[in-house]
């Protein structure tokens, strides 16, 4: 029974995050903002979390599930690349350089930020 309750809680939290994302997409479009709604949503959600308007426990399990399954969200994009074989044949090396360098930058910055957060949490606990 506990698993069903947990799954239901995660589904509800994911639904909340999806609705929030859709609302921010609509807001960005309605206000003609030059920023994508998904980025606006991340910024607004972060601000609401920092101001304790939204409690982390309200969305934490759903967000963790989405992060754990993140790789699945890239499959459609990877399959879509197959439509651009001529472009890859012509500019493949340049694209590969950009993809590899941006991946390294994201991995390094994510690692540094994660280690900084862990150190801050350890410092708060001690």
PDB file of N, CA and C in Angstrom:
ATOM      1  N   UNK A   1       0.821  -1.195   0.000  1.00  0.00           N
ATOM      2  CA  UNK A   1       0.000   0.000   0.000  1.00  0.00           C
ATOM      3  C   UNK A   1       0.862   1.255   0.000  1.00  0.00           C
ATOM      4  N   UNK A   2       2.038   1.159   0.670  1.00  0.00           N
ATOM      5  CA  UNK A   2       2.938   2.304   0.733  1.00  0.00           C
ATOM      6  C   UNK A   2       3.501   2.677  -0.620  1.00  0.00           C
ATOM      7  N   UNK A   3       3.761   1.659  -1.478  1.00  0.00           N
ATOM      8  CA  UNK A   3       4.288   1.915  -2.814  1.00  0.00           C
ATOM      9  C   UNK A   3       3.279   2.674  -3.661  1.00  0.00           C
ATOM     10  N   UNK A   4       2.011   2.300  -3.546  1.00  0.00           N
ATOM     11  CA  UNK A   4       0.969   2.979  -4.320  1.00  0.00           C
ATOM     12  C   UNK A   4       0.858   4.434  -3.886  1.00  0.00           C
ATOM     13  N   UNK A   5       0.956   4.661  -2.591  1.00  0.00           N
ATOM     14  CA  UNK A   5       0.890   6.030  -2.075  1.00  0.00           C
ATOM     15  C   UNK A   5       2.085   6.845  -2.565  1.00  0.00           C
ATOM     16  N   UNK A   6       3.270   6.239  -2.558  1.00  0.00           N
ATOM     17  CA  UNK A   6       4.476   6.919  -3.035  1.00  0.00           C
ATOM     18  C   UNK A   6       4.381   7.227  -4.518  1.00  0.00           C
ATOM     19  N   UNK A   7       3.932   6.252  -5.298  1.00  0.00           N
ATOM     20  CA  UNK A   7       3.783   6.462  -6.742  1.00  0.00           C
ATOM     21  C   UNK A   7       2.769   7.559  -7.022  1.00  0.00           C
ATOM     22  N   UNK A   8       1.670   7.551  -6.291  1.00  0.00           N
ATOM     23  CA  UNK A   8       0.657   8.602  -6.449  1.00  0.00           C
ATOM     24  C   UNK A   8       1.205   9.982  -6.102  1.00  0.00           C
ATOM     25  N   UNK A   9       2.002  10.040  -5.034  1.00  0.00           N
ATOM     26  CA  UNK A   9       2.612  11.309  -4.624  1.00  0.00           C
ATOM     27  C   UNK A   9       3.573  11.812  -5.691  1.00  0.00           C
ATOM     28  N   UNK A  10       4.383  10.906  -6.235  1.00  0.00           N
ATOM     29  CA  UNK A  10       5.333  11.287  -7.289  1.00  0.00           C
ATOM     30  C   UNK A  10       4.573  11.755  -8.523  1.00  0.00           C
ATOM     31  N   UNK A  11       3.510  11.027  -8.905  1.00  0.00           N
ATOM     32  CA  UNK A  11       2.715  11.412 -10.080  1.00  0.00           C
ATOM     33  C   UNK A  11       2.095  12.789  -9.887  1.00  0.00           C
ATOM     34  N   UNK A  12       1.593  13.066  -8.698  1.00  0.00           N
ATOM     35  CA  UNK A  12       1.001  14.373  -8.412  1.00  0.00           C
ATOM     36  C   UNK A  12       2.060  15.475  -8.492  1.00  0.00           C
ATOM     37  N   UNK A  13       3.237  15.217  -7.944  1.00  0.00           N
ATOM     38  CA  UNK A  13       4.300  16.217  -7.979  1.00  0.00           C
ATOM     39  C   UNK A  13       4.778  16.463  -9.404  1.00  0.00           C
ATOM     40  N   UNK A  14       4.883  15.407 -10.212  1.00  0.00           N
ATOM     41  CA  UNK A  14       5.264  15.576 -11.615  1.00  0.00           C
ATOM     42  C   UNK A  14       4.191  16.381 -12.340  1.00  0.00           C
ATOM     43  N   UNK A  15       2.931  16.092 -12.062  1.00  0.00           N
ATOM     44  CA  UNK A  15       1.837  16.849 -12.681  1.00  0.00           C
ATOM     45  C   UNK A  15       1.919  18.323 -12.306  1.00  0.00           C
ATOM     46  N   UNK A  16       2.234  18.610 -11.055  1.00  0.00           N
ATOM     47  CA  UNK A  16       2.384  20.003 -10.614  1.00  0.00           C
ATOM     48  C   UNK A  16       3.518  20.678 -11.386  1.00  0.00           C
ATOM     49  N   UNK A  17       4.639  19.985 -11.517  1.00  0.00           N
ATOM     50  CA  UNK A  17       5.776  20.550 -12.249  1.00  0.00           C
ATOM     51  C   UNK A  17       5.434  20.764 -13.726  1.00  0.00           C
ATOM     52  N   UNK A  18       4.718  19.832 -14.325  1.00  0.00           N
ATOM     53  CA  UNK A  18       4.326  19.970 -15.731  1.00  0.00           C
ATOM     54  C   UNK A  18       3.363  21.145 -15.891  1.00  0.00           C
ATOM     55  N   UNK A  19       2.379  21.259 -15.021  1.00  0.00           N
ATOM     56  CA  UNK A  19       1.441  22.385 -15.090  1.00  0.00           C
ATOM     57  C   UNK A  19       2.161  23.714 -14.890  1.00  0.00           C
ATOM     58  N   UNK A  20       3.109  23.738 -13.983  1.00  0.00           N
ATOM     59  CA  UNK A  20       3.898  24.942 -13.760  1.00  0.00           C
ATOM     60  C   UNK A  20       4.677  25.300 -15.018  1.00  0.00           C
ATOM     61  N   UNK A  21       5.269  24.299 -15.656  1.00  0.00           N
ATOM     62  CA  UNK A  21       6.018  24.520 -16.887  1.00  0.00           C
ATOM     63  C   UNK A  21       5.114  25.040 -17.997  1.00  0.00           C
ATOM     64  N   UNK A  22       3.949  24.447 -18.149  1.00  0.00           N
ATOM     65  CA  UNK A  22       3.003  24.906 -19.170  1.00  0.00           C
ATOM     66  C   UNK A  22       2.551  26.338 -18.907  1.00  0.00           C
ATOM     67  N   UNK A  23       2.321  26.652 -17.631  1.00  0.00           N
ATOM     68  CA  UNK A  23       1.919  28.010 -17.277  1.00  0.00           C
ATOM     69  C   UNK A  23       3.014  29.022 -17.614  1.00  0.00           C
ATOM     70  N   UNK A  24       4.253  28.668 -17.349  1.00  0.00           N
ATOM     71  CA  UNK A  24       5.357  29.581 -17.659  1.00  0.00           C
ATOM     72  C   UNK A  24       5.568  29.710 -19.174  1.00  0.00           C
ATOM     73  N   UNK A  25       5.352  28.622 -19.918  1.00  0.00           N
ATOM     74  CA  UNK A  25       5.413  28.712 -21.378  1.00  0.00           C
ATOM     75  C   UNK A  25       4.342  29.669 -21.895  1.00  0.00           C
ATOM     76  N   UNK A  26       3.140  29.530 -21.361  1.00  0.00           N
ATOM     77  CA  UNK A  26       2.044  30.407 -21.760  1.00  0.00           C
ATOM     78  C   UNK A  26       2.350  31.851 -21.383  1.00  0.00           C
ATOM     79  N   UNK A  27       2.864  32.076 -20.185  1.00  0.00           N
ATOM     80  CA  UNK A  27       3.190  33.429 -19.733  1.00  0.00           C
ATOM     81  C   UNK A  27       4.264  34.064 -20.598  1.00  0.00           C
ATOM     82  N   UNK A  28       5.300  33.306 -20.918  1.00  0.00           N
ATOM     83  CA  UNK A  28       6.379  33.832 -21.764  1.00  0.00           C
ATOM     84  C   UNK A  28       5.853  34.187 -23.150  1.00  0.00           C
ATOM     85  N   UNK A  29       4.969  33.366 -23.663  1.00  0.00           N
ATOM     86  CA  UNK A  29       4.385  33.634 -24.985  1.00  0.00           C
ATOM     87  C   UNK A  29       3.455  34.836 -24.924  1.00  0.00           C
ATOM     88  N   UNK A  30       2.637  34.908 -23.890  1.00  0.00           N
ATOM     89  CA  UNK A  30       1.659  35.989 -23.737  1.00  0.00           C
ATOM     90  C   UNK A  30       2.345  37.346 -23.559  1.00  0.00           C
ATOM     91  N   UNK A  31       3.454  37.360 -22.819  1.00  0.00           N
ATOM     92  CA  UNK A  31       4.185  38.605 -22.575  1.00  0.00           C
ATOM     93  C   UNK A  31       5.229  38.891 -23.654  1.00  0.00           C
ATOM     94  N   UNK A  32       5.336  37.994 -24.644  1.00  0.00           N
ATOM     95  CA  UNK A  32       6.309  38.136 -25.734  1.00  0.00           C
ATOM     96  C   UNK A  32       7.727  38.302 -25.188  1.00  0.00           C
ATOM     97  N   UNK A  33       8.065  37.465 -24.204  1.00  0.00           N
ATOM     98  CA  UNK A  33       9.393  37.524 -23.598  1.00  0.00           C
ATOM     99  C   UNK A  33      10.407  36.833 -24.507  1.00  0.00           C
ATOM    100  N   UNK A  34      11.632  37.351 -24.565  1.00  0.00           N
ATOM    101  CA  UNK A  34      12.651  36.726 -25.407  1.00  0.00           C
ATOM    102  C   UNK A  34      13.332  35.533 -24.734  1.00  0.00           C
ATOM    103  N   UNK A  35      12.726  35.005 -23.704  1.00  0.00           N
ATOM    104  CA  UNK A  35      13.282  33.882 -22.957  1.00  0.00           C
ATOM    105  C   UNK A  35      12.282  32.725 -23.020  1.00  0.00           C
ATOM    106  N   UNK A  36      12.752  31.510 -23.224  1.00  0.00           N
ATOM    107  CA  UNK A  36      11.822  30.363 -23.280  1.00  0.00           C
ATOM    108  C   UNK A  36      11.085  30.183 -21.957  1.00  0.00           C
ATOM    109  N   UNK A  37       9.865  29.699 -22.062  1.00  0.00           N
ATOM    110  CA  UNK A  37       9.053  29.479 -20.869  1.00  0.00           C
ATOM    111  C   UNK A  37       9.672  28.493 -19.905  1.00  0.00           C
ATOM    112  N   UNK A  38      10.410  27.507 -20.417  1.00  0.00           N
ATOM    113  CA  UNK A  38      11.035  26.529 -19.525  1.00  0.00           C
ATOM    114  C   UNK A  38      12.104  27.186 -18.647  1.00  0.00           C
ATOM    115  N   UNK A  39      12.865  28.084 -19.236  1.00  0.00           N
ATOM    116  CA  UNK A  39      13.890  28.799 -18.460  1.00  0.00           C
ATOM    117  C   UNK A  39      13.227  29.750 -17.475  1.00  0.00           C
ATOM    118  N   UNK A  40      12.195  30.439 -17.926  1.00  0.00           N
ATOM    119  CA  UNK A  40      11.434  31.316 -17.029  1.00  0.00           C
ATOM    120  C   UNK A  40      10.865  30.507 -15.866  1.00  0.00           C
ATOM    121  N   UNK A  41      10.366  29.314 -16.170  1.00  0.00           N
ATOM    122  CA  UNK A  41       9.818  28.455 -15.128  1.00  0.00           C
ATOM    123  C   UNK A  41      10.860  28.054 -14.104  1.00  0.00           C
ATOM    124  N   UNK A  42      12.056  27.719 -14.559  1.00  0.00           N
ATOM    125  CA  UNK A  42      13.133  27.353 -13.635  1.00  0.00           C
ATOM    126  C   UNK A  42      13.470  28.529 -12.721  1.00  0.00           C
ATOM    127  N   UNK A  43      13.555  29.720 -13.307  1.00  0.00           N
ATOM    128  CA  UNK A  43      13.885  30.912 -12.525  1.00  0.00           C
ATOM    129  C   UNK A  43      12.800  31.209 -11.506  1.00  0.00           C
ATOM    130  N   UNK A  44      11.548  31.178 -11.947  1.00  0.00           N
ATOM    131  CA  UNK A  44      10.428  31.477 -11.039  1.00  0.00           C
ATOM    132  C   UNK A  44      10.310  30.414  -9.954  1.00  0.00           C
ATOM    133  N   UNK A  45      10.444  29.133 -10.332  1.00  0.00           N
ATOM    134  CA  UNK A  45      10.367  28.063  -9.338  1.00  0.00           C
ATOM    135  C   UNK A  45      11.489  28.191  -8.312  1.00  0.00           C
ATOM    136  N   UNK A  46      12.695  28.503  -8.776  1.00  0.00           N
ATOM    137  CA  UNK A  46      13.815  28.699  -7.852  1.00  0.00           C
ATOM    138  C   UNK A  46      13.517  29.850  -6.887  1.00  0.00           C
ATOM    139  N   UNK A  47      12.997  30.964  -7.415  1.00  0.00           N
ATOM    140  CA  UNK A  47      12.666  32.112  -6.559  1.00  0.00           C
ATOM    141  C   UNK A  47      11.590  31.740  -5.542  1.00  0.00           C
ATOM    142  N   UNK A  48      10.571  31.012  -5.984  1.00  0.00           N
ATOM    143  CA  UNK A  48       9.503  30.611  -5.064  1.00  0.00           C
ATOM    144  C   UNK A  48      10.015  29.656  -3.993  1.00  0.00           C
ATOM    145  N   UNK A  49      10.941  28.785  -4.358  1.00  0.00           N
ATOM    146  CA  UNK A  49      11.544  27.888  -3.367  1.00  0.00           C
ATOM    147  C   UNK A  49      12.402  28.671  -2.367  1.00  0.00           C
ATOM    148  N   UNK A  50      13.201  29.614  -2.862  1.00  0.00           N
ATOM    149  CA  UNK A  50      14.063  30.400  -1.968  1.00  0.00           C
ATOM    150  C   UNK A  50      13.243  31.273  -1.014  1.00  0.00           C
ATOM    151  N   UNK A  51      12.079  31.745  -1.467  1.00  0.00           N
ATOM    152  CA  UNK A  51      11.230  32.591  -0.619  1.00  0.00           C
ATOM    153  C   UNK A  51      10.286  31.766   0.255  1.00  0.00           C
ATOM    154  N   UNK A  52      10.433  30.437   0.202  1.00  0.00           N
ATOM    155  CA  UNK A  52       9.595  29.503   0.968  1.00  0.00           C
ATOM    156  C   UNK A  52       8.106  29.628   0.675  1.00  0.00           C
ATOM    157  N   UNK A  53       7.768  30.101  -0.516  1.00  0.00           N
ATOM    158  CA  UNK A  53       6.370  30.117  -0.945  1.00  0.00           C
ATOM    159  C   UNK A  53       5.972  28.699  -1.354  1.00  0.00           C
ATOM    160  N   UNK A  54       6.892  28.024  -2.028  1.00  0.00           N
ATOM    161  CA  UNK A  54       6.727  26.610  -2.350  1.00  0.00           C
ATOM    162  C   UNK A  54       7.727  25.847  -1.498  1.00  0.00           C
ATOM    163  N   UNK A  55       7.253  24.836  -0.811  1.00  0.00           N
ATOM    164  CA  UNK A  55       8.132  24.003   0.014  1.00  0.00           C
ATOM    165  C   UNK A  55       8.772  22.923  -0.857  1.00  0.00           C
ATOM    166  N   UNK A  56      10.031  22.647  -0.611  1.00  0.00           N
ATOM    167  CA  UNK A  56      10.752  21.649  -1.383  1.00  0.00           C
ATOM    168  C   UNK A  56      10.076  20.290  -1.309  1.00  0.00           C
ATOM    169  N   UNK A  57       9.516  19.963  -0.160  1.00  0.00           N
ATOM    170  CA  UNK A  57       8.867  18.656   0.006  1.00  0.00           C
ATOM    171  C   UNK A  57       7.652  18.503  -0.907  1.00  0.00           C
ATOM    172  N   UNK A  58       7.084  19.611  -1.379  1.00  0.00           N
ATOM    173  CA  UNK A  58       5.917  19.553  -2.261  1.00  0.00           C
ATOM    174  C   UNK A  58       6.275  19.011  -3.643  1.00  0.00           C
ATOM    175  N   UNK A  59       7.530  19.152  -4.050  1.00  0.00           N
ATOM    176  CA  UNK A  59       7.918  18.754  -5.416  1.00  0.00           C
ATOM    177  C   UNK A  59       9.161  17.874  -5.474  1.00  0.00           C
ATOM    178  N   UNK A  60       9.785  17.594  -4.340  1.00  0.00           N
ATOM    179  CA  UNK A  60      11.095  16.941  -4.320  1.00  0.00           C
ATOM    180  C   UNK A  60      11.085  15.542  -4.927  1.00  0.00           C
ATOM    181  N   UNK A  61      10.160  14.684  -4.526  1.00  0.00           N
ATOM    182  CA  UNK A  61      10.162  13.310  -5.044  1.00  0.00           C
ATOM    183  C   UNK A  61       9.870  13.293  -6.548  1.00  0.00           C
ATOM    184  N   UNK A  62       8.949  14.126  -6.999  1.00  0.00           N
ATOM    185  CA  UNK A  62       8.646  14.195  -8.427  1.00  0.00           C
ATOM    186  C   UNK A  62       9.829  14.704  -9.226  1.00  0.00           C
ATOM    187  N   UNK A  63      10.496  15.727  -8.713  1.00  0.00           N
ATOM    188  CA  UNK A  63      11.672  16.269  -9.395  1.00  0.00           C
ATOM    189  C   UNK A  63      12.801  15.249  -9.425  1.00  0.00           C
ATOM    190  N   UNK A  64      12.999  14.524  -8.333  1.00  0.00           N
ATOM    191  CA  UNK A  64      14.035  13.487  -8.303  1.00  0.00           C
ATOM    192  C   UNK A  64      13.732  12.381  -9.312  1.00  0.00           C
ATOM    193  N   UNK A  65      12.454  12.005  -9.447  1.00  0.00           N
ATOM    194  CA  UNK A  65      12.094  10.983 -10.429  1.00  0.00           C
ATOM    195  C   UNK A  65      12.375  11.491 -11.846  1.00  0.00           C
ATOM    196  N   UNK A  66      12.002  12.745 -12.124  1.00  0.00           N
ATOM    197  CA  UNK A  66      12.267  13.312 -13.451  1.00  0.00           C
ATOM    198  C   UNK A  66      13.765  13.344 -13.747  1.00  0.00           C
ATOM    199  N   UNK A  67      14.562  13.708 -12.762  1.00  0.00           N
ATOM    200  CA  UNK A  67      16.014  13.727 -12.956  1.00  0.00           C
ATOM    201  C   UNK A  67      16.564  12.323 -13.180  1.00  0.00           C
ATOM    202  N   UNK A  68      16.025  11.345 -12.464  1.00  0.00           N
ATOM    203  CA  UNK A  68      16.495   9.969 -12.619  1.00  0.00           C
ATOM    204  C   UNK A  68      16.178   9.422 -14.009  1.00  0.00           C
ATOM    205  N   UNK A  69      15.087   9.871 -14.601  1.00  0.00           N
ATOM    206  CA  UNK A  69      14.661   9.395 -15.920  1.00  0.00           C
ATOM    207  C   UNK A  69      15.013  10.380 -17.034  1.00  0.00           C
ATOM    208  N   UNK A  70      15.885  11.317 -16.759  1.00  0.00           N
ATOM    209  CA  UNK A  70      16.217  12.382 -17.703  1.00  0.00           C
ATOM    210  C   UNK A  70      16.706  11.865 -19.045  1.00  0.00           C
ATOM    211  N   UNK A  71      17.463  10.791 -19.036  1.00  0.00           N
ATOM    212  CA  UNK A  71      18.013  10.252 -20.274  1.00  0.00           C
ATOM    213  C   UNK A  71      16.919   9.891 -21.280  1.00  0.00           C
ATOM    214  N   UNK A  72      15.784   9.430 -20.787  1.00  0.00           N
ATOM    215  CA  UNK A  72      14.684   9.061 -21.677  1.00  0.00           C
ATOM    216  C   UNK A  72      14.165  10.254 -22.478  1.00  0.00           C
ATOM    217  N   UNK A  73      14.286  11.444 -21.940  1.00  0.00           N
ATOM    218  CA  UNK A  73      13.779  12.629 -22.631  1.00  0.00           C
ATOM    219  C   UNK A  73      14.654  13.033 -23.813  1.00  0.00           C
ATOM    220  N   UNK A  74      15.859  12.471 -23.908  1.00  0.00           N
ATOM    221  CA  UNK A  74      16.753  12.804 -25.015  1.00  0.00           C
ATOM    222  C   UNK A  74      16.608  11.857 -26.204  1.00  0.00           C
ATOM    223  N   UNK A  75      15.900  10.762 -26.038  1.00  0.00           N
ATOM    224  CA  UNK A  75      15.755   9.796 -27.129  1.00  0.00           C
ATOM    225  C   UNK A  75      15.092  10.416 -28.357  1.00  0.00           C
ATOM    226  N   UNK A  76      13.986  11.160 -28.241  1.00  0.00           N
ATOM    227  CA  UNK A  76      13.395  11.753 -29.448  1.00  0.00           C
ATOM    228  C   UNK A  76      14.356  12.702 -30.166  1.00  0.00           C
ATOM    229  N   UNK A  77      15.132  13.458 -29.428  1.00  0.00           N
ATOM    230  CA  UNK A  77      16.094  14.364 -30.055  1.00  0.00           C
ATOM    231  C   UNK A  77      17.179  13.584 -30.780  1.00  0.00           C
ATOM    232  N   UNK A  78      17.646  12.504 -30.183  1.00  0.00           N
ATOM    233  CA  UNK A  78      18.693  11.699 -30.812  1.00  0.00           C
ATOM    234  C   UNK A  78      18.181  11.045 -32.089  1.00  0.00           C
ATOM    235  N   UNK A  79      16.946  10.578 -32.077  1.00  0.00           N
ATOM    236  CA  UNK A  79      16.357   9.982 -33.274  1.00  0.00           C
ATOM    237  C   UNK A  79      16.135  11.055 -34.339  1.00  0.00           C
ATOM    238  N   UNK A  80      15.749  12.256 -33.916  1.00  0.00           N
ATOM    239  CA  UNK A  80      15.517  13.353 -34.854  1.00  0.00           C
ATOM    240  C   UNK A  80      16.769  13.780 -35.601  1.00  0.00           C
ATOM    241  N   UNK A  81      17.927  13.564 -35.013  1.00  0.00           N
ATOM    242  CA  UNK A  81      19.190  13.925 -35.665  1.00  0.00           C
ATOM    243  C   UNK A  81      19.370  13.144 -36.960  1.00  0.00           C
ATOM    244  N   UNK A  82      18.796  11.967 -37.042  1.00  0.00           N
ATOM    245  CA  UNK A  82      18.951  11.121 -38.232  1.00  0.00           C
ATOM    246  C   UNK A  82      18.376  11.793 -39.486  1.00  0.00           C
ATOM    247  N   UNK A  83      17.508  12.762 -39.308  1.00  0.00           N
ATOM    248  CA  UNK A  83      16.951  13.480 -40.458  1.00  0.00           C
ATOM    249  C   UNK A  83      17.981  14.404 -41.099  1.00  0.00           C
ATOM    250  N   UNK A  84      19.088  14.663 -40.424  1.00  0.00           N
ATOM    251  CA  UNK A  84      20.059  15.657 -40.873  1.00  0.00           C
ATOM    252  C   UNK A  84      21.406  15.032 -41.241  1.00  0.00           C
ATOM    253  N   UNK A  85      21.387  13.859 -41.799  1.00  0.00           N
ATOM    254  CA  UNK A  85      22.622  13.169 -42.196  1.00  0.00           C
ATOM    255  C   UNK A  85      23.457  14.019 -43.161  1.00  0.00           C
ATOM    256  N   UNK A  86      22.849  14.659 -44.187  1.00  0.00           N
ATOM    257  CA  UNK A  86      23.681  15.491 -45.090  1.00  0.00           C
ATOM    258  C   UNK A  86      24.393  16.627 -44.352  1.00  0.00           C
ATOM    259  N   UNK A  87      23.726  17.236 -43.394  1.00  0.00           N
ATOM    260  CA  UNK A  87      24.348  18.303 -42.602  1.00  0.00           C
ATOM    261  C   UNK A  87      25.514  17.737 -41.792  1.00  0.00           C
ATOM    262  N   UNK A  88      25.325  16.555 -41.216  1.00  0.00           N
ATOM    263  CA  UNK A  88      26.395  15.934 -40.439  1.00  0.00           C
ATOM    264  C   UNK A  88      27.585  15.567 -41.319  1.00  0.00           C
ATOM    265  N   UNK A  89      27.309  15.142 -42.552  1.00  0.00           N
ATOM    266  CA  UNK A  89      28.409  14.814 -43.462  1.00  0.00           C
ATOM    267  C   UNK A  89      29.209  16.053 -43.820  1.00  0.00           C
ATOM    268  N   UNK A  90      28.528  17.189 -43.939  1.00  0.00           N
ATOM    269  CA  UNK A  90      29.201  18.436 -44.346  1.00  0.00           C
ATOM    270  C   UNK A  90      29.875  19.142 -43.173  1.00  0.00           C
ATOM    271  N   UNK A  91      29.171  19.280 -42.059  1.00  0.00           N
ATOM    272  CA  UNK A  91      29.671  20.054 -40.907  1.00  0.00           C
ATOM    273  C   UNK A  91      29.833  19.207 -39.644  1.00  0.00           C
ATOM    274  N   UNK A  92      29.985  17.906 -39.804  1.00  0.00           N
ATOM    275  CA  UNK A  92      30.021  17.005 -38.659  1.00  0.00           C
ATOM    276  C   UNK A  92      31.143  17.267 -37.678  1.00  0.00           C
ATOM    277  N   UNK A  93      32.335  17.602 -38.171  1.00  0.00           N
ATOM    278  CA  UNK A  93      33.477  17.827 -37.283  1.00  0.00           C
ATOM    279  C   UNK A  93      33.237  19.053 -36.400  1.00  0.00           C
ATOM    280  N   UNK A  94      32.751  20.135 -37.013  1.00  0.00           N
ATOM    281  CA  UNK A  94      32.484  21.346 -36.227  1.00  0.00           C
ATOM    282  C   UNK A  94      31.384  21.097 -35.193  1.00  0.00           C
ATOM    283  N   UNK A  95      30.356  20.378 -35.605  1.00  0.00           N
ATOM    284  CA  UNK A  95      29.272  20.061 -34.671  1.00  0.00           C
ATOM    285  C   UNK A  95      29.796  19.195 -33.532  1.00  0.00           C
ATOM    286  N   UNK A  96      30.630  18.221 -33.858  1.00  0.00           N
ATOM    287  CA  UNK A  96      31.203  17.344 -32.835  1.00  0.00           C
ATOM    288  C   UNK A  96      32.048  18.132 -31.842  1.00  0.00           C
ATOM    289  N   UNK A  97      32.846  19.078 -32.333  1.00  0.00           N
ATOM    290  CA  UNK A  97      33.670  19.916 -31.448  1.00  0.00           C
ATOM    291  C   UNK A  97      32.787  20.713 -30.491  1.00  0.00           C
ATOM    292  N   UNK A  98      31.716  21.307 -31.015  1.00  0.00           N
ATOM    293  CA  UNK A  98      30.806  22.088 -30.172  1.00  0.00           C
ATOM    294  C   UNK A  98      30.118  21.196 -29.148  1.00  0.00           C
ATOM    295  N   UNK A  99      29.645  20.028 -29.570  1.00  0.00           N
ATOM    296  CA  UNK A  99      28.953  19.120 -28.651  1.00  0.00           C
ATOM    297  C   UNK A  99      29.889  18.631 -27.554  1.00  0.00           C
ATOM    298  N   UNK A 100      31.089  18.207 -27.918  1.00  0.00           N
ATOM    299  CA  UNK A 100      32.033  17.690 -26.921  1.00  0.00           C
ATOM    300  C   UNK A 100      32.458  18.795 -25.955  1.00  0.00           C
ATOM    301  N   UNK A 101      32.811  19.966 -26.489  1.00  0.00           N
ATOM    302  CA  UNK A 101      33.260  21.047 -25.597  1.00  0.00           C
ATOM    303  C   UNK A 101      32.125  21.524 -24.692  1.00  0.00           C
ATOM    304  N   UNK A 102      30.917  21.641 -25.213  1.00  0.00           N
ATOM    305  CA  UNK A 102      29.812  22.074 -24.357  1.00  0.00           C
ATOM    306  C   UNK A 102      29.479  21.015 -23.312  1.00  0.00           C
ATOM    307  N   UNK A 103      29.610  19.741 -23.671  1.00  0.00           N
ATOM    308  CA  UNK A 103      29.381  18.665 -22.703  1.00  0.00           C
ATOM    309  C   UNK A 103      30.409  18.726 -21.580  1.00  0.00           C
ATOM    310  N   UNK A 104      31.661  18.949 -21.917  1.00  0.00           N
ATOM    311  CA  UNK A 104      32.713  19.057 -20.902  1.00  0.00           C
ATOM    312  C   UNK A 104      32.454  20.250 -19.986  1.00  0.00           C
ATOM    313  N   UNK A 105      32.063  21.368 -20.569  1.00  0.00           N
ATOM    314  CA  UNK A 105      31.774  22.563 -19.766  1.00  0.00           C
ATOM    315  C   UNK A 105      30.616  22.312 -18.820  1.00  0.00           C
ATOM    316  N   UNK A 106      29.539  21.692 -19.316  1.00  0.00           N
ATOM    317  CA  UNK A 106      28.378  21.403 -18.466  1.00  0.00           C
ATOM    318  C   UNK A 106      28.749  20.414 -17.363  1.00  0.00           C
ATOM    319  N   UNK A 107      29.502  19.366 -17.706  1.00  0.00           N
ATOM    320  CA  UNK A 107      29.887  18.387 -16.698  1.00  0.00           C
ATOM    321  C   UNK A 107      30.772  19.013 -15.623  1.00  0.00           C
ATOM    322  N   UNK A 108      31.721  19.825 -16.043  1.00  0.00           N
ATOM    323  CA  UNK A 108      32.624  20.457 -15.075  1.00  0.00           C
ATOM    324  C   UNK A 108      31.877  21.435 -14.182  1.00  0.00           C
ATOM    325  N   UNK A 109      31.048  22.267 -14.777  1.00  0.00           N
ATOM    326  CA  UNK A 109      30.314  23.248 -13.966  1.00  0.00           C
ATOM    327  C   UNK A 109      29.316  22.551 -13.051  1.00  0.00           C
ATOM    328  N   UNK A 110      28.647  21.497 -13.522  1.00  0.00           N
ATOM    329  CA  UNK A 110      27.717  20.751 -12.669  1.00  0.00           C
ATOM    330  C   UNK A 110      28.445  20.099 -11.501  1.00  0.00           C
ATOM    331  N   UNK A 111      29.598  19.523 -11.774  1.00  0.00           N
ATOM    332  CA  UNK A 111      30.381  18.909 -10.706  1.00  0.00           C
ATOM    333  C   UNK A 111      30.844  19.919  -9.671  1.00  0.00           C
ATOM    334  N   UNK A 112      31.310  21.069 -10.141  1.00  0.00           N
ATOM    335  CA  UNK A 112      31.757  22.112  -9.212  1.00  0.00           C
ATOM    336  C   UNK A 112      30.600  22.636  -8.371  1.00  0.00           C
ATOM    337  N   UNK A 113      29.467  22.857  -9.006  1.00  0.00           N
ATOM    338  CA  UNK A 113      28.299  23.350  -8.262  1.00  0.00           C
ATOM    339  C   UNK A 113      27.830  22.304  -7.258  1.00  0.00           C
ATOM    340  N   UNK A 114      27.773  21.035  -7.678  1.00  0.00           N
ATOM    341  CA  UNK A 114      27.338  19.969  -6.773  1.00  0.00           C
ATOM    342  C   UNK A 114      28.280  19.841  -5.578  1.00  0.00           C
ATOM    343  N   UNK A 115      29.575  19.906  -5.818  1.00  0.00           N
ATOM    344  CA  UNK A 115      30.514  19.799  -4.700  1.00  0.00           C
ATOM    345  C   UNK A 115      30.398  21.005  -3.769  1.00  0.00           C
ATOM    346  N   UNK A 116      30.143  22.172  -4.332  1.00  0.00           N
ATOM    347  CA  UNK A 116      29.939  23.373  -3.507  1.00  0.00           C
ATOM    348  C   UNK A 116      28.689  23.224  -2.636  1.00  0.00           C
ATOM    349  N   UNK A 117      27.619  22.693  -3.212  1.00  0.00           N
ATOM    350  CA  UNK A 117      26.378  22.494  -2.451  1.00  0.00           C
ATOM    351  C   UNK A 117      26.588  21.472  -1.343  1.00  0.00           C
ATOM    352  N   UNK A 118      27.289  20.384  -1.646  1.00  0.00           N
ATOM    353  CA  UNK A 118      27.553  19.367  -0.632  1.00  0.00           C
ATOM    354  C   UNK A 118      28.377  19.949   0.506  1.00  0.00           C
ATOM    355  N   UNK A 119      29.385  20.746   0.186  1.00  0.00           N
ATOM    356  CA  UNK A 119      30.203  21.360   1.232  1.00  0.00           C
ATOM    357  C   UNK A 119      29.375  22.303   2.097  1.00  0.00           C
ATOM    358  N   UNK A 120      28.466  23.056   1.474  1.00  0.00           N
ATOM    359  CA  UNK A 120      27.600  23.959   2.238  1.00  0.00           C
ATOM    360  C   UNK A 120      26.685  23.190   3.152  1.00  0.00           C
ATOM    361  N   UNK A 121      26.109  22.065   2.662  1.00  0.00           N
ATOM    362  CA  UNK A 121      25.238  21.258   3.500  1.00  0.00           C
ATOM    363  C   UNK A 121      26.010  20.632   4.638  1.00  0.00           C
ATOM    364  N   UNK A 122      27.224  20.146   4.384  1.00  0.00           N
ATOM    365  CA  UNK A 122      28.041  19.561   5.444  1.00  0.00           C
ATOM    366  C   UNK A 122      28.413  20.619   6.475  1.00  0.00           C
ATOM    367  N   UNK A 123      28.688  21.832   6.010  1.00  0.00           N
ATOM    368  CA  UNK A 123      29.049  22.917   6.921  1.00  0.00           C
ATOM    369  C   UNK A 123      27.858  23.285   7.811  1.00  0.00           C
ATOM    370  N   UNK A 124      26.648  23.278   7.252  1.00  0.00           N
ATOM    371  CA  UNK A 124      25.446  23.593   8.033  1.00  0.00           C
ATOM    372  C   UNK A 124      25.161  22.526   9.069  1.00  0.00           C
ATOM    373  N   UNK A 125      25.443  21.258   8.745  1.00  0.00           N
ATOM    374  CA  UNK A 125      25.161  20.171   9.675  1.00  0.00           C
ATOM    375  C   UNK A 125      26.155  20.115  10.828  1.00  0.00           C
ATOM    376  N   UNK A 126      27.366  20.641  10.608  1.00  0.00           N
ATOM    377  CA  UNK A 126      28.356  20.560  11.686  1.00  0.00           C
ATOM    378  C   UNK A 126      28.447  21.818  12.486  1.00  0.00           C
TER     379      UNK A 126
END
